Each structure stands twice: as C-alpha cells, then as structure tokens.
Amino acid sequence: MEIWINPACSKCSSALTLLDAEGAQYTVRRYLEEPPTVEELEQVLERLQLEPWDITRLGEPAAAELGMHTWQRDAAHRDRWLNALATQPTLIQRPIITADDGTAVVGRSADAVRSVLRS
C-alpha cells in the first residue's frame, strides 16, 4: 500500500494514525517533494474511477491563478488537467491511498481509509 501525503495536512495525519492503529503496512510518498507523473496520475485515476477534475483542489491559489474554475471538464481537456496536477502537485486532493490489490481511495475520512483496508 502507498499513501500520498502532505505532512502539513491534518487529513493525511489522521489517515496515517488510522493506518498505524490498524497495523497496516504502507509506504509514504510525500507527493509535493516527489510529484506524480502524468502517467502515474492516469493510473491512480483509473484505480479511483475518477477524473482529474475530481481530485483537484480548486480552492488552492494555484487553481485560481490558472483559472481552473473555467476549464472544461471533458475528455478533450483531460490532458490539460493532468498536466496541471503533475506540474502543480499542491492541486491534488490528499491523502490518496493505493492498495496492492488494485483499489484506491481519496482518504479524507476515516471510513474512506478503512474501505481500502477491507479490500
């Protein structure tokens, strides 16, 4: 299992605490220091069954600077979203947990984190 975190994020800290309490084995990826590539984002999105705009933090200053609120959310513009997430990783929702069985979850709640443990 791998968890993408921002150490300053309270949701990430909560997810790590829960994983530790459950005795889960995982690898931490500090995605701001080691940003995912477009290819990695595509793989994670496939596992999450989401689109890039679904995991974008539109409240971030970088989103406002890019005008992302006005970007179209369709297949023709998907690469634009992916490239933005890869080059501005602060825009990625966190934490994202990918399990060895192929499941993944945006672990913003305890229930979401637990769901990947039951997989």
PDB file of N, CA and C in Angstrom:
ATOM      1  N   MET A   1       0.853  -1.162   0.000  1.00  0.00           N
ATOM      2  CA  MET A   1       0.000   0.000   0.000  1.00  0.00           C
ATOM      3  C   MET A   1       0.902   1.229   0.000  1.00  0.00           C
ATOM      4  N   GLU A   2       0.452   2.240  -0.744  1.00  0.00           N
ATOM      5  CA  GLU A   2       1.176   3.506  -0.770  1.00  0.00           C
ATOM      6  C   GLU A   2       0.185   4.620  -0.447  1.00  0.00           C
ATOM      7  N   ILE A   3       0.663   5.617   0.301  1.00  0.00           N
ATOM      8  CA  ILE A   3      -0.181   6.761   0.634  1.00  0.00           C
ATOM      9  C   ILE A   3       0.559   8.027   0.242  1.00  0.00           C
ATOM     10  N   TRP A   4      -0.117   8.836  -0.564  1.00  0.00           N
ATOM     11  CA  TRP A   4       0.427  10.134  -0.979  1.00  0.00           C
ATOM     12  C   TRP A   4      -0.013  11.148   0.058  1.00  0.00           C
ATOM     13  N   ILE A   5       0.971  11.814   0.675  1.00  0.00           N
ATOM     14  CA  ILE A   5       0.640  12.757   1.735  1.00  0.00           C
ATOM     15  C   ILE A   5       1.363  14.082   1.580  1.00  0.00           C
ATOM     16  N   ASN A   6       0.798  15.067   2.250  1.00  0.00           N
ATOM     17  CA  ASN A   6       1.444  16.335   2.540  1.00  0.00           C
ATOM     18  C   ASN A   6       1.570  16.328   4.066  1.00  0.00           C
ATOM     19  N   PRO A   7       2.787  16.325   4.613  1.00  0.00           N
ATOM     20  CA  PRO A   7       2.941  16.229   6.070  1.00  0.00           C
ATOM     21  C   PRO A   7       2.234  17.333   6.851  1.00  0.00           C
ATOM     22  N   ALA A   8       1.959  18.462   6.230  1.00  0.00           N
ATOM     23  CA  ALA A   8       1.285  19.565   6.912  1.00  0.00           C
ATOM     24  C   ALA A   8      -0.238  19.414   6.926  1.00  0.00           C
ATOM     25  N   CYS A   9      -0.751  18.375   6.306  1.00  0.00           N
ATOM     26  CA  CYS A   9      -2.198  18.175   6.151  1.00  0.00           C
ATOM     27  C   CYS A   9      -2.769  17.344   7.303  1.00  0.00           C
ATOM     28  N   SER A  10      -3.802  17.874   7.949  1.00  0.00           N
ATOM     29  CA  SER A  10      -4.408  17.151   9.070  1.00  0.00           C
ATOM     30  C   SER A  10      -5.111  15.872   8.612  1.00  0.00           C
ATOM     31  N   LYS A  11      -5.706  15.879   7.429  1.00  0.00           N
ATOM     32  CA  LYS A  11      -6.368  14.669   6.908  1.00  0.00           C
ATOM     33  C   LYS A  11      -5.337  13.565   6.668  1.00  0.00           C
ATOM     34  N   CYS A  12      -4.154  13.957   6.196  1.00  0.00           N
ATOM     35  CA  CYS A  12      -3.075  12.988   5.974  1.00  0.00           C
ATOM     36  C   CYS A  12      -2.609  12.404   7.301  1.00  0.00           C
ATOM     37  N   SER A  13      -2.443  13.263   8.301  1.00  0.00           N
ATOM     38  CA  SER A  13      -2.025  12.793   9.629  1.00  0.00           C
ATOM     39  C   SER A  13      -3.054  11.834  10.210  1.00  0.00           C
ATOM     40  N   SER A  14      -4.325  12.158  10.050  1.00  0.00           N
ATOM     41  CA  SER A  14      -5.390  11.279  10.550  1.00  0.00           C
ATOM     42  C   SER A  14      -5.360   9.928   9.845  1.00  0.00           C
ATOM     43  N   ALA A  15      -5.141   9.948   8.538  1.00  0.00           N
ATOM     44  CA  ALA A  15      -5.086   8.695   7.779  1.00  0.00           C
ATOM     45  C   ALA A  15      -3.908   7.844   8.238  1.00  0.00           C
ATOM     46  N   LEU A  16      -2.753   8.465   8.438  1.00  0.00           N
ATOM     47  CA  LEU A  16      -1.582   7.720   8.906  1.00  0.00           C
ATOM     48  C   LEU A  16      -1.818   7.128  10.288  1.00  0.00           C
ATOM     49  N   THR A  17      -2.440   7.892  11.163  1.00  0.00           N
ATOM     50  CA  THR A  17      -2.748   7.401  12.512  1.00  0.00           C
ATOM     51  C   THR A  17      -3.664   6.189  12.436  1.00  0.00           C
ATOM     52  N   LEU A  18      -4.668   6.246  11.585  1.00  0.00           N
ATOM     53  CA  LEU A  18      -5.596   5.129  11.432  1.00  0.00           C
ATOM     54  C   LEU A  18      -4.893   3.910  10.834  1.00  0.00           C
ATOM     55  N   LEU A  19      -4.086   4.118   9.812  1.00  0.00           N
ATOM     56  CA  LEU A  19      -3.338   3.001   9.215  1.00  0.00           C
ATOM     57  C   LEU A  19      -2.435   2.343  10.256  1.00  0.00           C
ATOM     58  N   ASP A  20      -1.764   3.160  11.056  1.00  0.00           N
ATOM     59  CA  ASP A  20      -0.894   2.623  12.105  1.00  0.00           C
ATOM     60  C   ASP A  20      -1.698   1.845  13.143  1.00  0.00           C
ATOM     61  N   ALA A  21      -2.850   2.374  13.546  1.00  0.00           N
ATOM     62  CA  ALA A  21      -3.696   1.704  14.534  1.00  0.00           C
ATOM     63  C   ALA A  21      -4.189   0.351  14.026  1.00  0.00           C
ATOM     64  N   GLU A  22      -4.374   0.256  12.715  1.00  0.00           N
ATOM     65  CA  GLU A  22      -4.847  -0.992  12.107  1.00  0.00           C
ATOM     66  C   GLU A  22      -3.692  -1.947  11.770  1.00  0.00           C
ATOM     67  N   GLY A  23      -2.467  -1.500  12.022  1.00  0.00           N
ATOM     68  CA  GLY A  23      -1.301  -2.338  11.735  1.00  0.00           C
ATOM     69  C   GLY A  23      -1.021  -2.497  10.252  1.00  0.00           C
ATOM     70  N   ALA A  24      -1.483  -1.561   9.454  1.00  0.00           N
ATOM     71  CA  ALA A  24      -1.286  -1.640   8.001  1.00  0.00           C
ATOM     72  C   ALA A  24       0.182  -1.376   7.654  1.00  0.00           C
ATOM     73  N   GLN A  25       0.637  -2.060   6.634  1.00  0.00           N
ATOM     74  CA  GLN A  25       1.970  -1.801   6.111  1.00  0.00           C
ATOM     75  C   GLN A  25       1.815  -0.921   4.882  1.00  0.00           C
ATOM     76  N   TYR A  26       2.577   0.155   4.842  1.00  0.00           N
ATOM     77  CA  TYR A  26       2.430   1.105   3.750  1.00  0.00           C
ATOM     78  C   TYR A  26       3.735   1.849   3.527  1.00  0.00           C
ATOM     79  N   THR A  27       3.802   2.462   2.363  1.00  0.00           N
ATOM     80  CA  THR A  27       4.909   3.335   2.000  1.00  0.00           C
ATOM     81  C   THR A  27       4.354   4.741   1.886  1.00  0.00           C
ATOM     82  N   VAL A  28       5.069   5.694   2.437  1.00  0.00           N
ATOM     83  CA  VAL A  28       4.657   7.092   2.370  1.00  0.00           C
ATOM     84  C   VAL A  28       5.342   7.749   1.179  1.00  0.00           C
ATOM     85  N   ARG A  29       4.549   8.474   0.416  1.00  0.00           N
ATOM     86  CA  ARG A  29       5.096   9.294  -0.664  1.00  0.00           C
ATOM     87  C   ARG A  29       4.700  10.734  -0.400  1.00  0.00           C
ATOM     88  N   ARG A  30       5.676  11.555  -0.163  1.00  0.00           N
ATOM     89  CA  ARG A  30       5.445  12.984   0.020  1.00  0.00           C
ATOM     90  C   ARG A  30       5.354  13.595  -1.379  1.00  0.00           C
ATOM     91  N   TYR A  31       4.147  13.661  -1.864  1.00  0.00           N
ATOM     92  CA  TYR A  31       3.944  13.972  -3.276  1.00  0.00           C
ATOM     93  C   TYR A  31       4.306  15.410  -3.662  1.00  0.00           C
ATOM     94  N   LEU A  32       4.469  16.289  -2.690  1.00  0.00           N
ATOM     95  CA  LEU A  32       4.941  17.635  -3.026  1.00  0.00           C
ATOM     96  C   LEU A  32       6.439  17.614  -3.324  1.00  0.00           C
ATOM     97  N   GLU A  33       7.154  16.703  -2.665  1.00  0.00           N
ATOM     98  CA  GLU A  33       8.591  16.555  -2.886  1.00  0.00           C
ATOM     99  C   GLU A  33       8.889  15.640  -4.069  1.00  0.00           C
ATOM    100  N   GLU A  34       8.020  14.675  -4.283  1.00  0.00           N
ATOM    101  CA  GLU A  34       8.159  13.702  -5.372  1.00  0.00           C
ATOM    102  C   GLU A  34       6.834  13.663  -6.146  1.00  0.00           C
ATOM    103  N   PRO A  35       6.594  14.700  -6.969  1.00  0.00           N
ATOM    104  CA  PRO A  35       5.303  14.783  -7.664  1.00  0.00           C
ATOM    105  C   PRO A  35       5.070  13.599  -8.601  1.00  0.00           C
ATOM    106  N   PRO A  36       3.817  13.170  -8.685  1.00  0.00           N
ATOM    107  CA  PRO A  36       3.498  12.097  -9.624  1.00  0.00           C
ATOM    108  C   PRO A  36       3.600  12.589 -11.064  1.00  0.00           C
ATOM    109  N   THR A  37       3.951  11.682 -11.937  1.00  0.00           N
ATOM    110  CA  THR A  37       3.978  11.990 -13.361  1.00  0.00           C
ATOM    111  C   THR A  37       2.553  11.933 -13.904  1.00  0.00           C
ATOM    112  N   VAL A  38       2.376  12.403 -15.107  1.00  0.00           N
ATOM    113  CA  VAL A  38       1.072  12.297 -15.760  1.00  0.00           C
ATOM    114  C   VAL A  38       0.654  10.834 -15.836  1.00  0.00           C
ATOM    115  N   GLU A  39       1.599   9.967 -16.156  1.00  0.00           N
ATOM    116  CA  GLU A  39       1.290   8.537 -16.269  1.00  0.00           C
ATOM    117  C   GLU A  39       0.841   7.968 -14.924  1.00  0.00           C
ATOM    118  N   GLU A  40       1.529   8.350 -13.854  1.00  0.00           N
ATOM    119  CA  GLU A  40       1.129   7.875 -12.523  1.00  0.00           C
ATOM    120  C   GLU A  40      -0.253   8.402 -12.151  1.00  0.00           C
ATOM    121  N   LEU A  41      -0.521   9.644 -12.469  1.00  0.00           N
ATOM    122  CA  LEU A  41      -1.846  10.204 -12.204  1.00  0.00           C
ATOM    123  C   LEU A  41      -2.914   9.445 -12.978  1.00  0.00           C
ATOM    124  N   GLU A  42      -2.644   9.128 -14.229  1.00  0.00           N
ATOM    125  CA  GLU A  42      -3.614   8.371 -15.025  1.00  0.00           C
ATOM    126  C   GLU A  42      -3.898   7.010 -14.390  1.00  0.00           C
ATOM    127  N   GLN A  43      -2.851   6.343 -13.918  1.00  0.00           N
ATOM    128  CA  GLN A  43      -3.025   5.035 -13.282  1.00  0.00           C
ATOM    129  C   GLN A  43      -3.850   5.145 -12.004  1.00  0.00           C
ATOM    130  N   VAL A  44      -3.541   6.143 -11.182  1.00  0.00           N
ATOM    131  CA  VAL A  44      -4.278   6.328  -9.932  1.00  0.00           C
ATOM    132  C   VAL A  44      -5.732   6.693 -10.217  1.00  0.00           C
ATOM    133  N   LEU A  45      -5.953   7.561 -11.181  1.00  0.00           N
ATOM    134  CA  LEU A  45      -7.322   7.936 -11.529  1.00  0.00           C
ATOM    135  C   LEU A  45      -8.124   6.741 -12.031  1.00  0.00           C
ATOM    136  N   GLU A  46      -7.492   5.874 -12.788  1.00  0.00           N
ATOM    137  CA  GLU A  46      -8.183   4.663 -13.245  1.00  0.00           C
ATOM    138  C   GLU A  46      -8.580   3.805 -12.046  1.00  0.00           C
ATOM    139  N   ARG A  47      -7.679   3.671 -11.098  1.00  0.00           N
ATOM    140  CA  ARG A  47      -7.970   2.879  -9.900  1.00  0.00           C
ATOM    141  C   ARG A  47      -9.060   3.533  -9.058  1.00  0.00           C
ATOM    142  N   LEU A  48      -9.036   4.858  -8.980  1.00  0.00           N
ATOM    143  CA  LEU A  48     -10.052   5.586  -8.225  1.00  0.00           C
ATOM    144  C   LEU A  48     -11.388   5.646  -8.961  1.00  0.00           C
ATOM    145  N   GLN A  49     -11.348   5.421 -10.262  1.00  0.00           N
ATOM    146  CA  GLN A  49     -12.517   5.578 -11.139  1.00  0.00           C
ATOM    147  C   GLN A  49     -13.027   7.021 -11.078  1.00  0.00           C
ATOM    148  N   LEU A  50     -12.047   7.944 -11.153  1.00  0.00           N
ATOM    149  CA  LEU A  50     -12.343   9.370 -11.131  1.00  0.00           C
ATOM    150  C   LEU A  50     -11.633  10.053 -12.285  1.00  0.00           C
ATOM    151  N   GLU A  51     -11.968  11.305 -12.489  1.00  0.00           N
ATOM    152  CA  GLU A  51     -11.320  12.136 -13.495  1.00  0.00           C
ATOM    153  C   GLU A  51     -10.413  13.138 -12.790  1.00  0.00           C
ATOM    154  N   PRO A  52      -9.463  13.752 -13.513  1.00  0.00           N
ATOM    155  CA  PRO A  52      -8.533  14.665 -12.845  1.00  0.00           C
ATOM    156  C   PRO A  52      -9.224  15.818 -12.122  1.00  0.00           C
ATOM    157  N   TRP A  53     -10.305  16.341 -12.666  1.00  0.00           N
ATOM    158  CA  TRP A  53     -11.016  17.447 -12.015  1.00  0.00           C
ATOM    159  C   TRP A  53     -11.675  17.000 -10.720  1.00  0.00           C
ATOM    160  N   ASP A  54     -11.903  15.691 -10.566  1.00  0.00           N
ATOM    161  CA  ASP A  54     -12.497  15.168  -9.341  1.00  0.00           C
ATOM    162  C   ASP A  54     -11.520  15.182  -8.162  1.00  0.00           C
ATOM    163  N   ILE A  55     -10.223  15.195  -8.441  1.00  0.00           N
ATOM    164  CA  ILE A  55      -9.230  15.194  -7.367  1.00  0.00           C
ATOM    165  C   ILE A  55      -8.450  16.507  -7.308  1.00  0.00           C
ATOM    166  N   THR A  56      -8.985  17.540  -7.932  1.00  0.00           N
ATOM    167  CA  THR A  56      -8.321  18.836  -7.956  1.00  0.00           C
ATOM    168  C   THR A  56      -8.831  19.716  -6.827  1.00  0.00           C
ATOM    169  N   ARG A  57      -7.902  20.310  -6.118  1.00  0.00           N
ATOM    170  CA  ARG A  57      -8.213  21.237  -5.028  1.00  0.00           C
ATOM    171  C   ARG A  57      -8.396  22.631  -5.634  1.00  0.00           C
ATOM    172  N   LEU A  58      -9.608  22.943  -6.003  1.00  0.00           N
ATOM    173  CA  LEU A  58      -9.889  24.206  -6.691  1.00  0.00           C
ATOM    174  C   LEU A  58      -9.778  25.420  -5.781  1.00  0.00           C
ATOM    175  N   GLY A  59      -9.700  25.209  -4.482  1.00  0.00           N
ATOM    176  CA  GLY A  59      -9.541  26.318  -3.556  1.00  0.00           C
ATOM    177  C   GLY A  59      -8.102  26.787  -3.386  1.00  0.00           C
ATOM    178  N   GLU A  60      -7.174  26.082  -4.000  1.00  0.00           N
ATOM    179  CA  GLU A  60      -5.756  26.451  -3.896  1.00  0.00           C
ATOM    180  C   GLU A  60      -5.465  27.693  -4.731  1.00  0.00           C
ATOM    181  N   PRO A  61      -4.538  28.541  -4.267  1.00  0.00           N
ATOM    182  CA  PRO A  61      -4.158  29.723  -5.056  1.00  0.00           C
ATOM    183  C   PRO A  61      -3.711  29.379  -6.481  1.00  0.00           C
ATOM    184  N   ALA A  62      -3.013  28.262  -6.643  1.00  0.00           N
ATOM    185  CA  ALA A  62      -2.555  27.872  -7.981  1.00  0.00           C
ATOM    186  C   ALA A  62      -3.727  27.630  -8.922  1.00  0.00           C
ATOM    187  N   ALA A  63      -4.825  27.085  -8.397  1.00  0.00           N
ATOM    188  CA  ALA A  63      -6.016  26.855  -9.222  1.00  0.00           C
ATOM    189  C   ALA A  63      -6.608  28.185  -9.688  1.00  0.00           C
ATOM    190  N   ALA A  64      -6.636  29.147  -8.782  1.00  0.00           N
ATOM    191  CA  ALA A  64      -7.157  30.470  -9.137  1.00  0.00           C
ATOM    192  C   ALA A  64      -6.257  31.133 -10.176  1.00  0.00           C
ATOM    193  N   GLU A  65      -4.946  31.029  -9.975  1.00  0.00           N
ATOM    194  CA  GLU A  65      -4.001  31.628 -10.922  1.00  0.00           C
ATOM    195  C   GLU A  65      -4.153  31.037 -12.321  1.00  0.00           C
ATOM    196  N   LEU A  66      -4.444  29.736 -12.384  1.00  0.00           N
ATOM    197  CA  LEU A  66      -4.604  29.062 -13.674  1.00  0.00           C
ATOM    198  C   LEU A  66      -6.008  29.241 -14.255  1.00  0.00           C
ATOM    199  N   GLY A  67      -6.938  29.752 -13.447  1.00  0.00           N
ATOM    200  CA  GLY A  67      -8.319  29.898 -13.910  1.00  0.00           C
ATOM    201  C   GLY A  67      -9.023  28.570 -14.083  1.00  0.00           C
ATOM    202  N   MET A  68      -8.674  27.591 -13.260  1.00  0.00           N
ATOM    203  CA  MET A  68      -9.196  26.233 -13.427  1.00  0.00           C
ATOM    204  C   MET A  68     -10.713  26.133 -13.271  1.00  0.00           C
ATOM    205  N   HIS A  69     -11.318  27.059 -12.569  1.00  0.00           N
ATOM    206  CA  HIS A  69     -12.774  27.029 -12.414  1.00  0.00           C
ATOM    207  C   HIS A  69     -13.484  27.126 -13.769  1.00  0.00           C
ATOM    208  N   THR A  70     -12.800  27.698 -14.749  1.00  0.00           N
ATOM    209  CA  THR A  70     -13.415  27.879 -16.059  1.00  0.00           C
ATOM    210  C   THR A  70     -13.050  26.768 -17.046  1.00  0.00           C
ATOM    211  N   TRP A  71     -12.151  25.884 -16.637  1.00  0.00           N
ATOM    212  CA  TRP A  71     -11.713  24.824 -17.562  1.00  0.00           C
ATOM    213  C   TRP A  71     -12.841  23.827 -17.808  1.00  0.00           C
ATOM    214  N   GLN A  72     -12.939  23.397 -19.053  1.00  0.00           N
ATOM    215  CA  GLN A  72     -13.938  22.395 -19.389  1.00  0.00           C
ATOM    216  C   GLN A  72     -13.546  21.047 -18.802  1.00  0.00           C
ATOM    217  N   ARG A  73     -14.554  20.314 -18.404  1.00  0.00           N
ATOM    218  CA  ARG A  73     -14.359  19.001 -17.778  1.00  0.00           C
ATOM    219  C   ARG A  73     -14.865  17.932 -18.720  1.00  0.00           C
ATOM    220  N   ASP A  74     -14.028  17.625 -19.707  1.00  0.00           N
ATOM    221  CA  ASP A  74     -14.383  16.596 -20.675  1.00  0.00           C
ATOM    222  C   ASP A  74     -13.118  15.953 -21.221  1.00  0.00           C
ATOM    223  N   ALA A  75     -13.293  14.900 -21.987  1.00  0.00           N
ATOM    224  CA  ALA A  75     -12.155  14.129 -22.499  1.00  0.00           C
ATOM    225  C   ALA A  75     -11.191  14.985 -23.317  1.00  0.00           C
ATOM    226  N   ALA A  76     -11.718  15.942 -24.053  1.00  0.00           N
ATOM    227  CA  ALA A  76     -10.865  16.785 -24.897  1.00  0.00           C
ATOM    228  C   ALA A  76      -9.918  17.657 -24.081  1.00  0.00           C
ATOM    229  N   HIS A  77     -10.263  17.927 -22.823  1.00  0.00           N
ATOM    230  CA  HIS A  77      -9.450  18.799 -21.979  1.00  0.00           C
ATOM    231  C   HIS A  77      -8.779  18.057 -20.824  1.00  0.00           C
ATOM    232  N   ARG A  78      -8.898  16.756 -20.810  1.00  0.00           N
ATOM    233  CA  ARG A  78      -8.349  15.934 -19.714  1.00  0.00           C
ATOM    234  C   ARG A  78      -6.842  16.121 -19.562  1.00  0.00           C
ATOM    235  N   ASP A  79      -6.111  16.143 -20.678  1.00  0.00           N
ATOM    236  CA  ASP A  79      -4.652  16.296 -20.608  1.00  0.00           C
ATOM    237  C   ASP A  79      -4.250  17.610 -19.954  1.00  0.00           C
ATOM    238  N   ARG A  80      -5.015  18.645 -20.186  1.00  0.00           N
ATOM    239  CA  ARG A  80      -4.718  19.938 -19.564  1.00  0.00           C
ATOM    240  C   ARG A  80      -4.779  19.818 -18.046  1.00  0.00           C
ATOM    241  N   TRP A  81      -5.805  19.132 -17.549  1.00  0.00           N
ATOM    242  CA  TRP A  81      -5.953  18.917 -16.113  1.00  0.00           C
ATOM    243  C   TRP A  81      -4.804  18.063 -15.576  1.00  0.00           C
ATOM    244  N   LEU A  82      -4.499  16.981 -16.276  1.00  0.00           N
ATOM    245  CA  LEU A  82      -3.419  16.087 -15.829  1.00  0.00           C
ATOM    246  C   LEU A  82      -2.084  16.819 -15.758  1.00  0.00           C
ATOM    247  N   ASN A  83      -1.791  17.607 -16.765  1.00  0.00           N
ATOM    248  CA  ASN A  83      -0.534  18.357 -16.774  1.00  0.00           C
ATOM    249  C   ASN A  83      -0.479  19.363 -15.640  1.00  0.00           C
ATOM    250  N   ALA A  84      -1.588  19.993 -15.337  1.00  0.00           N
ATOM    251  CA  ALA A  84      -1.627  20.947 -14.231  1.00  0.00           C
ATOM    252  C   ALA A  84      -1.353  20.242 -12.899  1.00  0.00           C
ATOM    253  N   LEU A  85      -1.959  19.086 -12.700  1.00  0.00           N
ATOM    254  CA  LEU A  85      -1.744  18.337 -11.456  1.00  0.00           C
ATOM    255  C   LEU A  85      -0.297  17.864 -11.339  1.00  0.00           C
ATOM    256  N   ALA A  86       0.287  17.455 -12.454  1.00  0.00           N
ATOM    257  CA  ALA A  86       1.670  16.969 -12.427  1.00  0.00           C
ATOM    258  C   ALA A  86       2.667  18.097 -12.165  1.00  0.00           C
ATOM    259  N   THR A  87       2.370  19.277 -12.675  1.00  0.00           N
ATOM    260  CA  THR A  87       3.312  20.389 -12.505  1.00  0.00           C
ATOM    261  C   THR A  87       3.024  21.217 -11.254  1.00  0.00           C
ATOM    262  N   GLN A  88       1.804  21.133 -10.738  1.00  0.00           N
ATOM    263  CA  GLN A  88       1.400  21.862  -9.526  1.00  0.00           C
ATOM    264  C   GLN A  88       0.790  20.862  -8.534  1.00  0.00           C
ATOM    265  N   PRO A  89       1.600  20.006  -7.914  1.00  0.00           N
ATOM    266  CA  PRO A  89       1.037  18.943  -7.070  1.00  0.00           C
ATOM    267  C   PRO A  89       0.225  19.430  -5.872  1.00  0.00           C
ATOM    268  N   THR A  90       0.356  20.704  -5.491  1.00  0.00           N
ATOM    269  CA  THR A  90      -0.487  21.221  -4.408  1.00  0.00           C
ATOM    270  C   THR A  90      -1.968  21.155  -4.776  1.00  0.00           C
ATOM    271  N   LEU A  91      -2.253  20.993  -6.057  1.00  0.00           N
ATOM    272  CA  LEU A  91      -3.634  20.928  -6.533  1.00  0.00           C
ATOM    273  C   LEU A  91      -4.286  19.565  -6.314  1.00  0.00           C
ATOM    274  N   ILE A  92      -3.499  18.564  -5.937  1.00  0.00           N
ATOM    275  CA  ILE A  92      -4.013  17.193  -5.802  1.00  0.00           C
ATOM    276  C   ILE A  92      -4.647  16.993  -4.424  1.00  0.00           C
ATOM    277  N   GLN A  93      -5.879  16.454  -4.430  1.00  0.00           N
ATOM    278  CA  GLN A  93      -6.535  16.080  -3.176  1.00  0.00           C
ATOM    279  C   GLN A  93      -5.653  15.094  -2.429  1.00  0.00           C
ATOM    280  N   ARG A  94      -5.747  15.111  -1.116  1.00  0.00           N
ATOM    281  CA  ARG A  94      -4.928  14.229  -0.303  1.00  0.00           C
ATOM    282  C   ARG A  94      -5.701  13.777   0.918  1.00  0.00           C
ATOM    283  N   PRO A  95      -5.277  12.690   1.486  1.00  0.00           N
ATOM    284  CA  PRO A  95      -4.304  11.717   1.001  1.00  0.00           C
ATOM    285  C   PRO A  95      -4.936  10.781  -0.024  1.00  0.00           C
ATOM    286  N   ILE A  96      -4.113  10.262  -0.879  1.00  0.00           N
ATOM    287  CA  ILE A  96      -4.553   9.220  -1.809  1.00  0.00           C
ATOM    288  C   ILE A  96      -3.846   7.937  -1.412  1.00  0.00           C
ATOM    289  N   ILE A  97      -4.635   6.891  -1.232  1.00  0.00           N
ATOM    290  CA  ILE A  97      -4.097   5.598  -0.821  1.00  0.00           C
ATOM    291  C   ILE A  97      -4.340   4.603  -1.939  1.00  0.00           C
ATOM    292  N   THR A  98      -3.269   3.925  -2.357  1.00  0.00           N
ATOM    293  CA  THR A  98      -3.386   2.860  -3.350  1.00  0.00           C
ATOM    294  C   THR A  98      -2.989   1.554  -2.681  1.00  0.00           C
ATOM    295  N   ALA A  99      -3.852   0.568  -2.793  1.00  0.00           N
ATOM    296  CA  ALA A  99      -3.620  -0.730  -2.166  1.00  0.00           C
ATOM    297  C   ALA A  99      -3.036  -1.705  -3.178  1.00  0.00           C
ATOM    298  N   ASP A 100      -2.384  -2.721  -2.652  1.00  0.00           N
ATOM    299  CA  ASP A 100      -1.741  -3.725  -3.502  1.00  0.00           C
ATOM    300  C   ASP A 100      -2.739  -4.502  -4.357  1.00  0.00           C
ATOM    301  N   ASP A 101      -4.001  -4.557  -3.925  1.00  0.00           N
ATOM    302  CA  ASP A 101      -4.999  -5.319  -4.683  1.00  0.00           C
ATOM    303  C   ASP A 101      -5.607  -4.523  -5.845  1.00  0.00           C
ATOM    304  N   GLY A 102      -5.099  -3.294  -6.063  1.00  0.00           N
ATOM    305  CA  GLY A 102      -5.582  -2.504  -7.184  1.00  0.00           C
ATOM    306  C   GLY A 102      -6.617  -1.466  -6.816  1.00  0.00           C
ATOM    307  N   THR A 103      -7.100  -1.493  -5.574  1.00  0.00           N
ATOM    308  CA  THR A 103      -8.063  -0.489  -5.153  1.00  0.00           C
ATOM    309  C   THR A 103      -7.334   0.798  -4.768  1.00  0.00           C
ATOM    310  N   ALA A 104      -8.077   1.871  -4.712  1.00  0.00           N
ATOM    311  CA  ALA A 104      -7.529   3.161  -4.301  1.00  0.00           C
ATOM    312  C   ALA A 104      -8.660   3.997  -3.733  1.00  0.00           C
ATOM    313  N   VAL A 105      -8.275   4.977  -2.924  1.00  0.00           N
ATOM    314  CA  VAL A 105      -9.261   5.843  -2.292  1.00  0.00           C
ATOM    315  C   VAL A 105      -8.613   7.181  -1.979  1.00  0.00           C
ATOM    316  N   VAL A 106      -9.427   8.237  -2.057  1.00  0.00           N
ATOM    317  CA  VAL A 106      -9.018   9.525  -1.517  1.00  0.00           C
ATOM    318  C   VAL A 106      -9.434   9.458  -0.049  1.00  0.00           C
ATOM    319  N   GLY A 107      -8.459   9.355   0.838  1.00  0.00           N
ATOM    320  CA  GLY A 107      -8.711   9.056   2.243  1.00  0.00           C
ATOM    321  C   GLY A 107      -8.992  10.261   3.107  1.00  0.00           C
ATOM    322  N   ARG A 108      -9.975  11.052   2.748  1.00  0.00           N
ATOM    323  CA  ARG A 108     -10.280  12.266   3.505  1.00  0.00           C
ATOM    324  C   ARG A 108     -11.156  11.993   4.727  1.00  0.00           C
ATOM    325  N   SER A 109     -11.647  10.770   4.857  1.00  0.00           N
ATOM    326  CA  SER A 109     -12.435  10.412   6.041  1.00  0.00           C
ATOM    327  C   SER A 109     -11.938   9.070   6.572  1.00  0.00           C
ATOM    328  N   ALA A 110     -12.237   8.811   7.831  1.00  0.00           N
ATOM    329  CA  ALA A 110     -11.847   7.533   8.428  1.00  0.00           C
ATOM    330  C   ALA A 110     -12.507   6.376   7.682  1.00  0.00           C
ATOM    331  N   ASP A 111     -13.757   6.548   7.282  1.00  0.00           N
ATOM    332  CA  ASP A 111     -14.460   5.479   6.552  1.00  0.00           C
ATOM    333  C   ASP A 111     -13.772   5.179   5.219  1.00  0.00           C
ATOM    334  N   ALA A 112     -13.324   6.221   4.543  1.00  0.00           N
ATOM    335  CA  ALA A 112     -12.633   6.017   3.269  1.00  0.00           C
ATOM    336  C   ALA A 112     -11.328   5.250   3.481  1.00  0.00           C
ATOM    337  N   VAL A 113     -10.588   5.601   4.508  1.00  0.00           N
ATOM    338  CA  VAL A 113      -9.339   4.896   4.799  1.00  0.00           C
ATOM    339  C   VAL A 113      -9.633   3.438   5.148  1.00  0.00           C
ATOM    340  N   ARG A 114     -10.622   3.223   5.987  1.00  0.00           N
ATOM    341  CA  ARG A 114     -10.984   1.852   6.354  1.00  0.00           C
ATOM    342  C   ARG A 114     -11.421   1.027   5.139  1.00  0.00           C
ATOM    343  N   SER A 115     -12.035   1.663   4.163  1.00  0.00           N
ATOM    344  CA  SER A 115     -12.523   0.917   2.996  1.00  0.00           C
ATOM    345  C   SER A 115     -11.374   0.273   2.228  1.00  0.00           C
ATOM    346  N   VAL A 116     -10.235   0.901   2.185  1.00  0.00           N
ATOM    347  CA  VAL A 116      -9.105   0.331   1.481  1.00  0.00           C
ATOM    348  C   VAL A 116      -8.466  -0.785   2.317  1.00  0.00           C
ATOM    349  N   LEU A 117      -8.634  -0.748   3.625  1.00  0.00           N
ATOM    350  CA  LEU A 117      -8.116  -1.797   4.493  1.00  0.00           C
ATOM    351  C   LEU A 117      -8.934  -3.077   4.379  1.00  0.00           C
ATOM    352  N   ARG A 118     -10.205  -2.941   4.068  1.00  0.00           N
ATOM    353  CA  ARG A 118     -11.096  -4.107   3.939  1.00  0.00           C
ATOM    354  C   ARG A 118     -10.986  -4.766   2.582  1.00  0.00           C
ATOM    355  N   SER A 119     -10.312  -4.117   1.659  1.00  0.00           N
ATOM    356  CA  SER A 119     -10.248  -4.640   0.287  1.00  0.00           C
ATOM    357  C   SER A 119      -9.473  -5.939   0.219  1.00  0.00           C
TER     358      SER A 119
END
